[in-house]
Amino acid sequence: MGYSLSKLWPNEEGQDVAEYSVMLAVILVIVVSTVRLIGSNAGNVFSQVGSAIQ
């Protein structure tokens, strides 16, 4: 009985790890690109404010 259940419900642990790895990579790319975009824009804004204050 245990053998037939294991055939119906195969071990998919490796597939889950691969899916989570791909999701993590996509999320990291989005976060890094957002931080770089905001960082450069924030630097420009601070430069403009600093110039306006002087």
C-alpha atoms as a PDB file:
ATOM      1  CA  MET A   1       0.000   0.000   0.000  1.00  0.00           C
ATOM      2  CA  GLY A   2       2.801   2.441   0.892  1.00  0.00           C
ATOM      3  CA  TYR A   3       4.578   1.736  -2.380  1.00  0.00           C
ATOM      4  CA  SER A   4       1.481   2.499  -4.466  1.00  0.00           C
ATOM      5  CA  LEU A   5       0.916   5.771  -2.586  1.00  0.00           C
ATOM      6  CA  SER A   6       4.505   6.822  -3.143  1.00  0.00           C
ATOM      7  CA  LYS A   7       4.064   6.232  -6.884  1.00  0.00           C
ATOM      8  CA  LEU A   8       0.921   8.394  -6.924  1.00  0.00           C
ATOM      9  CA  TRP A   9       2.545  11.159  -4.880  1.00  0.00           C
ATOM     10  CA  PRO A  10       6.128  11.481  -6.103  1.00  0.00           C
ATOM     11  CA  ASN A  11       8.788  13.413  -4.237  1.00  0.00           C
ATOM     12  CA  GLU A  12       8.812  16.907  -5.784  1.00  0.00           C
ATOM     13  CA  GLU A  13      11.103  18.529  -3.235  1.00  0.00           C
ATOM     14  CA  GLY A  14      13.789  19.322  -5.816  1.00  0.00           C
ATOM     15  CA  GLN A  15      11.268  21.018  -8.071  1.00  0.00           C
ATOM     16  CA  ASP A  16      10.053  23.209  -5.200  1.00  0.00           C
ATOM     17  CA  VAL A  17      13.610  24.328  -4.430  1.00  0.00           C
ATOM     18  CA  ALA A  18      14.166  25.254  -8.078  1.00  0.00           C
ATOM     19  CA  GLU A  19      10.925  27.243  -8.214  1.00  0.00           C
ATOM     20  CA  TYR A  20      11.791  29.133  -5.031  1.00  0.00           C
ATOM     21  CA  SER A  21      15.260  29.864  -6.381  1.00  0.00           C
ATOM     22  CA  VAL A  22      13.830  31.346  -9.569  1.00  0.00           C
ATOM     23  CA  MET A  23      11.321  33.437  -7.604  1.00  0.00           C
ATOM     24  CA  LEU A  24      14.075  34.697  -5.304  1.00  0.00           C
ATOM     25  CA  ALA A  25      16.252  35.640  -8.277  1.00  0.00           C
ATOM     26  CA  VAL A  26      13.402  37.584  -9.917  1.00  0.00           C
ATOM     27  CA  ILE A  27      12.590  39.397  -6.668  1.00  0.00           C
ATOM     28  CA  LEU A  28      16.254  40.292  -6.141  1.00  0.00           C
ATOM     29  CA  VAL A  29      16.530  41.709  -9.672  1.00  0.00           C
ATOM     30  CA  ILE A  30      13.428  43.847  -9.096  1.00  0.00           C
ATOM     31  CA  VAL A  31      14.665  45.097  -5.708  1.00  0.00           C
ATOM     32  CA  VAL A  32      18.171  45.898  -6.945  1.00  0.00           C
ATOM     33  CA  SER A  33      16.914  47.743 -10.017  1.00  0.00           C
ATOM     34  CA  THR A  34      14.413  49.713  -7.933  1.00  0.00           C
ATOM     35  CA  VAL A  35      17.059  50.695  -5.389  1.00  0.00           C
ATOM     36  CA  ARG A  36      19.435  51.798  -8.145  1.00  0.00           C
ATOM     37  CA  LEU A  37      16.707  53.865  -9.820  1.00  0.00           C
ATOM     38  CA  ILE A  38      15.586  55.495  -6.583  1.00  0.00           C
ATOM     39  CA  GLY A  39      19.186  56.028  -5.493  1.00  0.00           C
ATOM     40  CA  SER A  40      20.154  57.935  -8.615  1.00  0.00           C
ATOM     41  CA  ASN A  41      16.975  60.005  -8.550  1.00  0.00           C
ATOM     42  CA  ALA A  42      17.387  60.742  -4.853  1.00  0.00           C
ATOM     43  CA  GLY A  43      20.979  61.872  -5.450  1.00  0.00           C
ATOM     44  CA  ASN A  44      19.801  64.286  -8.140  1.00  0.00           C
ATOM     45  CA  VAL A  45      17.076  65.687  -5.885  1.00  0.00           C
ATOM     46  CA  PHE A  46      19.485  66.208  -2.981  1.00  0.00           C
ATOM     47  CA  SER A  47      21.961  67.925  -5.305  1.00  0.00           C
ATOM     48  CA  GLN A  48      19.268  70.276  -6.573  1.00  0.00           C
ATOM     49  CA  VAL A  49      18.083  71.075  -3.059  1.00  0.00           C
ATOM     50  CA  GLY A  50      21.652  71.666  -1.906  1.00  0.00           C
ATOM     51  CA  SER A  51      22.270  74.019  -4.825  1.00  0.00           C
ATOM     52  CA  ALA A  52      19.041  75.886  -4.141  1.00  0.00           C
ATOM     53  CA  ILE A  53      19.927  76.371  -0.457  1.00  0.00           C
ATOM     54  CA  GLN A  54      23.350  77.844  -1.217  1.00  0.00           C
END
